N, C-alpha and C. Protein backbone atom coordinates (compact mmCIF):
# COMPACT_ATOMS: atom_id res chain seq x y z
N MET A 1 154.34 112.54 145.55
CA MET A 1 154.88 114.31 146.25
C MET A 1 155.55 113.90 146.90
N ARG A 2 156.77 114.80 146.82
CA ARG A 2 157.87 114.46 148.21
C ARG A 2 157.54 116.23 149.28
N VAL A 3 157.36 115.68 150.47
CA VAL A 3 157.20 116.51 151.67
C VAL A 3 158.13 116.89 152.62
N LEU A 4 158.70 118.07 152.68
CA LEU A 4 160.07 118.07 153.81
C LEU A 4 159.02 118.44 154.92
N GLY A 5 158.77 117.75 156.28
CA GLY A 5 158.27 118.14 157.32
C GLY A 5 159.37 118.69 158.04
N ILE A 6 158.62 119.55 158.73
CA ILE A 6 159.83 120.27 159.36
C ILE A 6 158.66 120.88 161.04
N ASP A 7 159.59 119.87 161.74
CA ASP A 7 159.19 120.16 163.79
C ASP A 7 160.11 121.31 164.32
N PRO A 8 159.68 122.57 164.38
CA PRO A 8 160.59 123.89 164.82
C PRO A 8 160.91 123.86 165.91
N GLY A 9 162.24 124.01 166.50
CA GLY A 9 163.04 124.18 167.73
C GLY A 9 163.94 125.19 167.67
N LEU A 10 163.95 125.50 168.49
CA LEU A 10 165.53 126.37 168.35
C LEU A 10 166.77 125.78 168.81
N THR A 11 166.77 124.77 169.65
CA THR A 11 168.29 123.74 169.57
C THR A 11 168.00 122.96 169.09
N ARG A 12 166.56 121.98 168.54
CA ARG A 12 166.39 120.76 167.91
C ARG A 12 165.63 121.28 166.50
N CYS A 13 165.78 121.26 165.28
CA CYS A 13 164.85 121.76 164.26
C CYS A 13 164.72 120.00 163.74
N GLY A 14 163.55 119.58 164.11
CA GLY A 14 163.38 118.34 163.25
C GLY A 14 162.98 118.54 161.82
N VAL A 15 163.80 117.71 160.99
CA VAL A 15 163.57 117.73 159.55
C VAL A 15 163.48 115.93 159.38
N GLY A 16 162.39 115.77 157.86
CA GLY A 16 162.09 114.51 157.56
C GLY A 16 161.55 114.62 156.43
N VAL A 17 162.01 114.10 155.79
CA VAL A 17 161.48 113.96 153.90
C VAL A 17 160.69 112.58 153.74
N VAL A 18 159.56 113.02 153.07
CA VAL A 18 158.82 111.57 152.91
C VAL A 18 158.14 111.56 151.52
N ASP A 19 158.58 110.71 150.51
CA ASP A 19 158.22 110.47 148.97
C ASP A 19 156.28 109.69 149.24
N GLY A 20 155.69 109.76 148.17
CA GLY A 20 154.51 109.02 147.99
C GLY A 20 153.03 110.16 147.57
N SER A 21 152.28 109.11 147.55
CA SER A 21 150.84 109.56 147.44
C SER A 21 149.38 109.13 148.37
N VAL A 22 148.11 109.27 148.17
CA VAL A 22 147.27 108.97 148.86
C VAL A 22 146.82 107.51 148.12
N GLY A 23 147.04 106.64 149.35
CA GLY A 23 147.09 105.42 149.12
C GLY A 23 147.78 104.31 148.37
N ARG A 24 148.88 105.33 148.34
CA ARG A 24 150.27 104.20 148.27
C ARG A 24 151.20 104.27 149.02
N PRO A 25 152.27 103.10 149.48
CA PRO A 25 153.02 103.03 150.09
C PRO A 25 154.18 104.42 150.13
N LEU A 26 154.33 105.04 151.54
CA LEU A 26 155.20 106.24 151.58
C LEU A 26 156.72 105.82 151.71
N THR A 27 157.53 106.51 151.77
CA THR A 27 158.87 105.83 151.77
C THR A 27 159.20 107.54 152.74
N MET A 28 160.55 106.89 153.67
CA MET A 28 161.33 107.67 154.20
C MET A 28 162.53 108.13 153.07
N VAL A 29 162.99 109.06 152.66
CA VAL A 29 163.92 109.59 152.03
C VAL A 29 164.70 110.02 152.94
N ASP A 30 165.35 110.94 153.83
CA ASP A 30 165.73 111.44 154.68
C ASP A 30 165.01 111.65 156.14
N VAL A 31 166.21 111.64 157.07
CA VAL A 31 165.73 112.27 158.37
C VAL A 31 166.64 112.74 159.26
N GLY A 32 166.52 113.98 160.15
CA GLY A 32 167.49 114.38 161.20
C GLY A 32 166.97 115.48 161.53
N VAL A 33 168.13 116.56 162.02
CA VAL A 33 167.90 117.61 162.93
C VAL A 33 168.60 118.23 162.47
N VAL A 34 168.45 119.81 162.59
CA VAL A 34 169.66 121.22 162.45
C VAL A 34 169.33 121.64 164.09
N ARG A 35 170.63 121.44 164.44
CA ARG A 35 170.82 121.74 166.15
C ARG A 35 171.64 122.85 166.03
N THR A 36 171.43 123.79 166.95
CA THR A 36 172.13 124.88 167.18
C THR A 36 172.11 124.68 169.09
N SER A 37 173.47 125.60 169.22
CA SER A 37 173.87 125.67 170.60
C SER A 37 173.28 126.84 171.39
N SER A 38 172.98 126.17 172.70
CA SER A 38 172.28 127.44 173.63
C SER A 38 173.52 128.37 173.98
N THR A 39 174.54 128.14 173.77
CA THR A 39 175.68 129.37 174.09
C THR A 39 175.57 130.41 173.17
N LEU A 40 175.20 130.14 172.01
CA LEU A 40 175.44 131.29 171.10
C LEU A 40 173.99 132.28 171.07
N PRO A 41 174.15 133.24 170.42
CA PRO A 41 173.20 134.45 170.75
C PRO A 41 171.98 134.01 169.47
N ILE A 42 170.85 134.46 169.69
CA ILE A 42 169.58 133.99 169.62
C ILE A 42 169.48 134.19 167.21
N ALA A 43 170.36 135.41 167.57
CA ALA A 43 170.06 135.74 165.74
C ALA A 43 171.08 134.68 165.21
N GLU A 44 172.56 134.35 165.82
CA GLU A 44 173.03 133.12 164.75
C GLU A 44 172.70 131.92 165.06
N ARG A 45 171.55 131.75 166.26
CA ARG A 45 171.04 130.15 166.06
C ARG A 45 169.93 130.18 165.15
N LEU A 46 169.39 131.19 164.86
CA LEU A 46 168.47 131.19 163.45
C LEU A 46 168.96 131.39 162.59
N VAL A 47 169.91 131.90 162.44
CA VAL A 47 170.80 131.98 160.85
C VAL A 47 171.20 130.47 160.66
N THR A 48 171.76 129.69 161.64
CA THR A 48 171.80 128.33 161.75
C THR A 48 170.88 127.20 161.14
N ILE A 49 169.72 127.81 161.68
CA ILE A 49 168.67 127.12 161.39
C ILE A 49 167.86 127.55 159.49
N GLU A 50 168.74 128.68 159.60
CA GLU A 50 167.96 128.69 158.30
C GLU A 50 168.88 128.26 156.90
N LYS A 51 170.17 128.28 157.25
CA LYS A 51 171.12 127.59 156.43
C LYS A 51 171.33 126.16 156.56
N GLY A 52 170.48 125.32 157.56
CA GLY A 52 170.66 124.26 157.68
C GLY A 52 168.74 123.74 157.01
N LEU A 53 168.29 124.43 157.07
CA LEU A 53 166.69 124.46 156.25
C LEU A 53 166.79 124.45 154.69
N ASP A 54 167.78 125.57 154.74
CA ASP A 54 168.04 125.91 153.23
C ASP A 54 168.62 124.58 152.76
N ALA A 55 169.52 124.04 153.16
CA ALA A 55 170.40 122.64 152.72
C ALA A 55 169.38 121.66 152.51
N TRP A 56 168.85 121.35 152.98
CA TRP A 56 167.79 120.35 153.30
C TRP A 56 166.70 120.59 152.14
N ILE A 57 166.27 121.57 151.94
CA ILE A 57 165.52 121.73 150.50
C ILE A 57 166.66 121.61 149.24
N GLU A 58 167.76 122.29 149.61
CA GLU A 58 168.38 122.18 147.95
C GLU A 58 168.41 120.62 147.77
N GLU A 59 168.88 120.05 148.70
CA GLU A 59 169.42 118.63 148.60
C GLU A 59 168.51 117.56 148.32
N HIS A 60 167.08 117.88 148.74
CA HIS A 60 165.90 116.97 148.69
C HIS A 60 164.94 117.40 147.61
N ARG A 61 164.87 118.79 147.28
CA ARG A 61 163.80 119.10 146.40
C ARG A 61 162.46 118.78 146.39
N PRO A 62 162.03 119.13 147.89
CA PRO A 62 160.31 119.07 148.05
C PRO A 62 159.47 119.81 147.19
N ASP A 63 158.42 118.89 147.40
CA ASP A 63 156.99 119.71 145.77
C ASP A 63 156.19 120.38 147.01
N ALA A 64 156.51 119.93 148.71
CA ALA A 64 155.99 121.12 149.64
C ALA A 64 156.67 120.97 150.98
N VAL A 65 156.35 121.70 151.64
CA VAL A 65 156.88 121.82 153.56
C VAL A 65 155.56 121.80 154.31
N ALA A 66 155.74 121.34 155.30
CA ALA A 66 154.69 121.12 156.44
C ALA A 66 155.08 121.28 157.40
N VAL A 67 154.90 122.46 158.17
CA VAL A 67 155.37 123.06 159.28
C VAL A 67 154.45 122.75 160.58
N GLU A 68 155.12 122.05 161.82
CA GLU A 68 154.33 122.13 162.65
C GLU A 68 153.76 123.63 163.13
N ARG A 69 152.16 123.73 163.32
CA ARG A 69 151.56 124.80 164.08
C ARG A 69 151.91 125.41 165.51
N VAL A 70 152.86 126.31 165.65
CA VAL A 70 153.31 126.90 167.29
C VAL A 70 151.83 126.35 167.93
N PHE A 71 151.59 126.32 169.18
CA PHE A 71 150.70 126.57 170.03
C PHE A 71 151.31 126.78 171.29
N ALA A 72 150.38 127.07 172.61
CA ALA A 72 151.15 127.51 173.92
C ALA A 72 151.33 126.26 174.32
N ARG A 73 152.26 125.95 174.66
CA ARG A 73 152.65 124.66 175.68
C ARG A 73 152.59 125.03 177.03
N SER A 74 152.53 123.94 177.61
CA SER A 74 152.70 124.34 179.47
C SER A 74 153.92 125.19 179.42
N ASP A 75 154.74 124.74 179.12
CA ASP A 75 156.12 125.34 179.44
C ASP A 75 156.59 126.14 178.28
N SER A 76 155.97 127.87 178.83
CA SER A 76 156.01 128.76 177.96
C SER A 76 157.47 129.35 177.60
N SER A 77 158.46 129.17 178.35
CA SER A 77 160.11 129.55 177.84
C SER A 77 160.41 128.91 176.87
N THR A 78 159.74 128.16 175.83
CA THR A 78 160.21 127.55 174.65
C THR A 78 159.02 127.86 173.41
N ILE A 79 157.97 128.18 173.99
CA ILE A 79 157.23 129.11 172.95
C ILE A 79 157.52 130.27 172.03
N MET A 80 158.89 130.89 172.23
CA MET A 80 159.15 132.12 171.61
C MET A 80 160.64 131.64 170.75
N GLY A 81 161.15 130.56 171.47
CA GLY A 81 162.19 129.61 170.53
C GLY A 81 161.60 128.98 169.26
N THR A 82 160.44 127.88 170.12
CA THR A 82 159.49 127.76 169.15
C THR A 82 159.21 128.50 167.72
N ALA A 83 158.71 128.92 168.02
CA ALA A 83 157.90 130.72 167.19
C ALA A 83 158.80 131.00 166.32
N GLN A 84 160.22 131.34 166.67
CA GLN A 84 161.13 132.28 165.89
C GLN A 84 161.42 131.28 165.12
N ALA A 85 161.62 129.74 165.37
CA ALA A 85 162.37 128.96 164.28
C ALA A 85 161.40 128.48 163.58
N SER A 86 160.19 128.52 163.39
CA SER A 86 158.97 128.26 162.54
C SER A 86 158.92 129.36 161.52
N GLY A 87 159.01 130.54 161.89
CA GLY A 87 159.18 131.74 161.11
C GLY A 87 160.13 131.66 159.81
N ILE A 88 161.19 131.02 160.77
CA ILE A 88 162.70 130.88 159.86
C ILE A 88 162.20 129.89 158.50
N ALA A 89 161.50 129.02 159.01
CA ALA A 89 161.05 127.78 158.17
C ALA A 89 160.26 128.06 156.90
N LEU A 90 159.34 129.02 157.47
CA LEU A 90 158.41 129.51 156.61
C LEU A 90 159.17 130.56 155.54
N VAL A 91 159.77 131.35 155.99
CA VAL A 91 160.53 132.34 155.14
C VAL A 91 161.83 131.31 154.12
N VAL A 92 162.08 130.43 154.56
CA VAL A 92 163.27 129.24 154.00
C VAL A 92 162.12 128.92 152.63
N ALA A 93 161.08 128.06 152.99
CA ALA A 93 159.74 127.64 152.36
C ALA A 93 159.83 128.72 151.19
N ALA A 94 158.99 129.88 151.62
CA ALA A 94 158.41 131.08 150.86
C ALA A 94 159.36 131.52 149.68
N ARG A 95 160.25 131.56 150.12
CA ARG A 95 161.35 132.33 149.22
C ARG A 95 162.03 131.70 148.18
N ARG A 96 162.01 130.21 148.49
CA ARG A 96 162.11 128.77 146.90
C ARG A 96 160.45 128.94 146.09
N GLY A 97 159.16 129.40 147.03
CA GLY A 97 158.17 129.33 146.34
C GLY A 97 157.35 128.29 146.25
N LEU A 98 158.06 127.43 147.41
CA LEU A 98 157.12 126.24 148.13
C LEU A 98 155.73 126.55 148.50
N PRO A 99 154.97 125.19 147.99
CA PRO A 99 153.52 125.52 149.06
C PRO A 99 153.85 125.42 150.53
N ILE A 100 153.51 125.64 151.70
CA ILE A 100 153.26 125.45 152.68
C ILE A 100 152.07 125.03 153.33
N ALA A 101 152.42 124.17 154.17
CA ALA A 101 151.03 123.74 155.17
C ALA A 101 151.55 123.78 156.62
N MET A 102 150.66 124.37 157.15
CA MET A 102 150.48 124.17 158.83
C MET A 102 149.86 123.11 159.36
N HIS A 103 150.57 122.40 160.15
CA HIS A 103 149.70 121.37 160.80
C HIS A 103 149.53 121.54 162.25
N THR A 104 148.53 121.19 163.16
CA THR A 104 148.51 121.28 164.66
C THR A 104 149.04 119.64 165.19
N PRO A 105 149.76 120.07 166.22
CA PRO A 105 150.03 118.66 166.61
C PRO A 105 148.92 117.53 167.06
N SER A 106 147.78 118.40 167.05
CA SER A 106 146.54 117.32 166.92
C SER A 106 146.24 116.90 165.78
N GLU A 107 145.93 117.45 164.73
CA GLU A 107 145.96 116.84 163.14
C GLU A 107 147.18 116.14 163.10
N VAL A 108 148.55 116.06 163.35
CA VAL A 108 149.12 115.13 163.14
C VAL A 108 149.11 113.58 163.66
N LYS A 109 148.57 113.87 165.23
CA LYS A 109 148.64 112.76 166.05
C LYS A 109 146.86 111.86 165.19
N ALA A 110 146.03 112.63 164.86
CA ALA A 110 145.02 111.79 164.40
C ALA A 110 145.62 111.60 163.01
N ALA A 111 145.56 112.25 162.04
CA ALA A 111 146.23 111.69 160.46
C ALA A 111 147.33 110.37 161.09
N VAL A 112 147.89 110.26 161.63
CA VAL A 112 149.20 109.24 161.92
C VAL A 112 148.29 108.08 162.88
N SER A 113 147.91 108.49 163.61
CA SER A 113 147.33 107.40 164.44
C SER A 113 145.88 106.98 164.54
N GLY A 114 145.28 108.02 164.36
CA GLY A 114 143.82 107.84 164.56
C GLY A 114 143.29 108.28 165.47
N ASN A 115 144.02 109.02 166.05
CA ASN A 115 143.53 109.68 167.67
C ASN A 115 144.23 111.00 167.29
N GLY A 116 143.52 112.24 168.21
CA GLY A 116 144.16 113.48 167.77
C GLY A 116 144.94 113.72 169.38
N ARG A 117 144.22 112.60 170.30
CA ARG A 117 145.29 112.97 171.71
C ARG A 117 145.99 111.73 171.82
N ALA A 118 146.62 110.84 170.83
CA ALA A 118 147.62 109.86 171.13
C ALA A 118 148.85 110.71 171.81
N ASP A 119 149.60 109.61 172.16
CA ASP A 119 151.00 110.27 172.85
C ASP A 119 151.73 109.90 171.87
N LYS A 120 153.79 110.27 172.28
CA LYS A 120 154.60 110.57 171.57
C LYS A 120 154.71 109.08 171.31
N ALA A 121 154.58 107.69 172.01
CA ALA A 121 155.56 106.61 171.63
C ALA A 121 153.90 106.34 170.77
N GLN A 122 152.41 106.10 170.74
CA GLN A 122 151.92 105.71 169.89
C GLN A 122 152.02 106.23 168.01
N VAL A 123 152.13 107.86 168.15
CA VAL A 123 152.11 108.36 167.19
C VAL A 123 154.23 107.93 166.68
N GLY A 124 155.13 107.88 167.14
CA GLY A 124 156.43 107.00 166.81
C GLY A 124 156.03 105.52 166.53
N ALA A 125 154.92 104.93 167.07
CA ALA A 125 155.27 103.70 166.55
C ALA A 125 154.55 103.34 165.07
N MET A 126 153.35 104.12 164.84
CA MET A 126 152.80 104.49 163.48
C MET A 126 154.05 104.96 162.64
N VAL A 127 154.46 105.78 163.01
CA VAL A 127 155.88 106.59 161.88
C VAL A 127 156.76 105.48 161.80
N VAL A 128 156.69 104.23 162.53
CA VAL A 128 157.98 102.90 161.95
C VAL A 128 156.96 102.34 160.83
N ARG A 129 155.60 102.32 161.25
CA ARG A 129 155.09 101.16 160.59
C ARG A 129 154.58 101.78 159.49
N ILE A 130 154.13 103.03 159.27
CA ILE A 130 153.89 103.58 157.94
C ILE A 130 155.25 103.61 157.25
N LEU A 131 156.02 103.58 157.54
CA LEU A 131 157.16 104.09 156.40
C LEU A 131 158.57 102.70 156.75
N ARG A 132 157.35 101.77 157.27
CA ARG A 132 158.40 100.37 157.27
C ARG A 132 159.78 100.57 157.76
N LEU A 133 160.17 101.24 158.79
CA LEU A 133 161.28 101.41 159.27
C LEU A 133 162.04 100.51 160.50
N PRO A 134 163.24 99.95 159.99
CA PRO A 134 163.69 99.10 161.47
C PRO A 134 163.64 100.00 162.69
N GLU A 135 163.10 100.88 162.78
CA GLU A 135 163.28 101.64 164.73
C GLU A 135 162.81 103.24 164.26
N LEU A 136 162.56 103.65 165.61
CA LEU A 136 162.35 105.33 165.77
C LEU A 136 163.25 106.05 165.30
N PRO A 137 163.17 106.51 164.44
CA PRO A 137 164.17 108.23 164.60
C PRO A 137 164.25 108.83 165.67
N LYS A 138 165.78 109.16 166.00
CA LYS A 138 166.07 109.95 167.24
C LYS A 138 166.49 111.28 167.28
N PRO A 139 166.54 111.99 167.63
CA PRO A 139 165.31 111.97 168.74
C PRO A 139 164.25 112.34 167.98
N ALA A 140 162.96 112.76 169.34
CA ALA A 140 161.71 112.96 169.15
C ALA A 140 161.42 113.85 167.72
N ASP A 141 162.21 114.94 167.95
CA ASP A 141 161.76 115.52 166.89
C ASP A 141 162.35 115.51 165.06
N ALA A 142 163.10 114.63 165.03
CA ALA A 142 163.13 114.12 163.79
C ALA A 142 161.88 113.18 163.41
N ALA A 143 161.48 112.43 164.68
CA ALA A 143 160.29 111.21 164.33
C ALA A 143 159.18 112.40 164.02
N ASP A 144 158.62 113.42 165.06
CA ASP A 144 157.80 114.31 164.72
C ASP A 144 157.79 115.49 163.15
N ALA A 145 159.00 115.43 162.61
CA ALA A 145 159.08 115.77 161.50
C ALA A 145 158.88 115.04 160.29
N LEU A 146 158.62 113.33 160.57
CA LEU A 146 158.57 112.48 159.60
C LEU A 146 156.43 112.62 159.71
N ALA A 147 156.15 112.55 160.95
CA ALA A 147 154.58 112.55 161.20
C ALA A 147 154.21 113.57 160.19
N LEU A 148 154.51 114.69 160.63
CA LEU A 148 154.41 115.81 159.63
C LEU A 148 153.94 115.75 158.18
N ALA A 149 155.50 115.42 157.28
CA ALA A 149 155.33 114.88 156.25
C ALA A 149 154.25 113.80 155.71
N ILE A 150 154.21 112.87 157.08
CA ILE A 150 152.99 112.04 156.31
C ILE A 150 151.70 112.41 156.30
N THR A 151 151.58 113.18 157.28
CA THR A 151 149.76 114.20 157.47
C THR A 151 149.87 114.38 155.91
N HIS A 152 150.84 115.49 155.80
CA HIS A 152 150.65 116.59 154.64
C HIS A 152 150.36 115.58 153.34
N VAL A 153 151.37 115.12 153.33
CA VAL A 153 151.05 113.60 151.93
C VAL A 153 149.26 112.68 151.95
N TRP A 154 148.82 112.73 153.32
CA TRP A 154 147.52 112.47 153.16
C TRP A 154 146.36 113.49 153.31
N ARG A 155 147.13 114.47 153.89
CA ARG A 155 145.76 115.59 154.20
C ARG A 155 145.55 116.56 153.44
N GLY A 156 147.05 116.41 152.36
CA GLY A 156 147.07 118.00 151.66
C GLY A 156 146.43 117.76 150.39
N SER A 157 145.50 119.03 150.30
CA SER A 157 144.67 119.29 149.64
C SER A 157 144.99 119.43 147.99
N ALA A 158 143.96 119.30 147.18
CA ALA A 158 144.07 118.79 145.77
C ALA A 158 144.73 120.41 145.16
N SER A 159 144.47 121.52 145.69
CA SER A 159 145.23 122.91 145.83
C SER A 159 146.49 122.53 146.35
N ASN A 160 147.14 122.21 147.31
CA ASN A 160 148.07 121.97 147.63
C ASN A 160 149.15 121.10 146.74
N ARG A 161 148.36 120.17 146.01
CA ARG A 161 149.12 119.61 144.96
C ARG A 161 149.02 120.15 143.75
N LEU A 162 148.36 120.82 143.47
CA LEU A 162 148.73 121.63 142.47
C LEU A 162 149.53 123.00 142.35
N GLU A 163 149.56 123.46 143.67
CA GLU A 163 150.41 124.20 143.72
C GLU A 163 152.06 124.07 144.02
N ALA A 164 152.07 122.50 143.99
CA ALA A 164 153.49 121.93 143.68
C ALA A 164 153.77 121.48 142.70
N ALA A 165 152.78 121.42 141.72
CA ALA A 165 153.53 120.81 140.46
C ALA A 165 154.05 122.23 139.82
N VAL A 166 152.79 123.67 140.19
CA VAL A 166 153.57 124.56 139.72
C VAL A 166 154.96 124.96 139.82
N ALA A 167 154.81 125.00 141.32
CA ALA A 167 156.45 125.38 141.55
C ALA A 167 157.24 124.42 141.47
N ARG A 168 157.19 123.16 140.86
CA ARG A 168 158.23 122.33 140.18
C ARG A 168 158.44 122.70 138.78
N ALA A 169 157.10 123.16 138.26
CA ALA A 169 157.91 123.42 136.94
C ALA A 169 158.22 124.74 137.11
N ARG A 170 158.07 125.79 137.43
CA ARG A 170 158.91 126.83 137.54
C ARG A 170 160.49 126.80 138.20
N ARG A 171 160.59 125.48 138.68
CA ARG A 171 162.35 125.34 138.96
C ARG A 171 162.63 124.69 137.94
N THR A 172 162.00 124.07 136.95
CA THR A 172 162.70 123.26 136.36
C THR A 172 162.39 124.15 134.45
N THR A 173 161.79 125.33 134.60
CA THR A 173 161.78 126.19 133.08
C THR A 173 162.89 127.27 133.09
N PRO A 174 163.36 127.01 132.38
CA PRO A 174 164.38 128.25 132.04
C PRO A 174 163.77 129.34 132.27
N VAL A 175 164.40 130.41 132.58
CA VAL A 175 163.97 131.94 132.65
C VAL A 175 164.54 132.60 131.23
N ARG A 176 164.07 133.01 130.49
CA ARG A 176 164.14 133.70 129.45
C ARG A 176 164.02 135.00 129.48
N THR A 177 165.28 135.90 128.78
CA THR A 177 165.90 137.32 129.14
C THR A 177 165.38 137.79 127.41
N ARG A 178 165.38 139.25 127.33
CA ARG A 178 165.41 139.69 126.08
C ARG A 178 166.66 139.89 125.66
């Protein structure tokens, strides 16, 4: 299964692609961020995120997309932008008929490190270990996207895997016209 993990953000939207299945070693395919400038109007920034995520999906053809579920952080000024970026991620994936899962930060921490209250350093160290990377990808948004993808591979339900197979079949089956 190939999963695109998305850590939504208005300035930096982390993206990471992981291949693997439960009980098998996972492999990082690609990792990065979609960046927008804070000097641009919000609508233009959202379009930039949409185009960037669409390009990642086009290039990597994931079977599923895992997005971090937005929650109320202590810095309320970032909640709106994060929610807007999250909505764009959901729309881009849904438009392509991809199965979408949303995981909370504590779910991701628990899946990757075994502790739902792990700090960023602990989660990052486990991402490096699980994916056998020479170092932690930077910035943190990119590493968080990989953690989301790992979580989905490991925790994705059987129905999500079935939906991914159906979506994959739809993408490869030619459309018949009369």
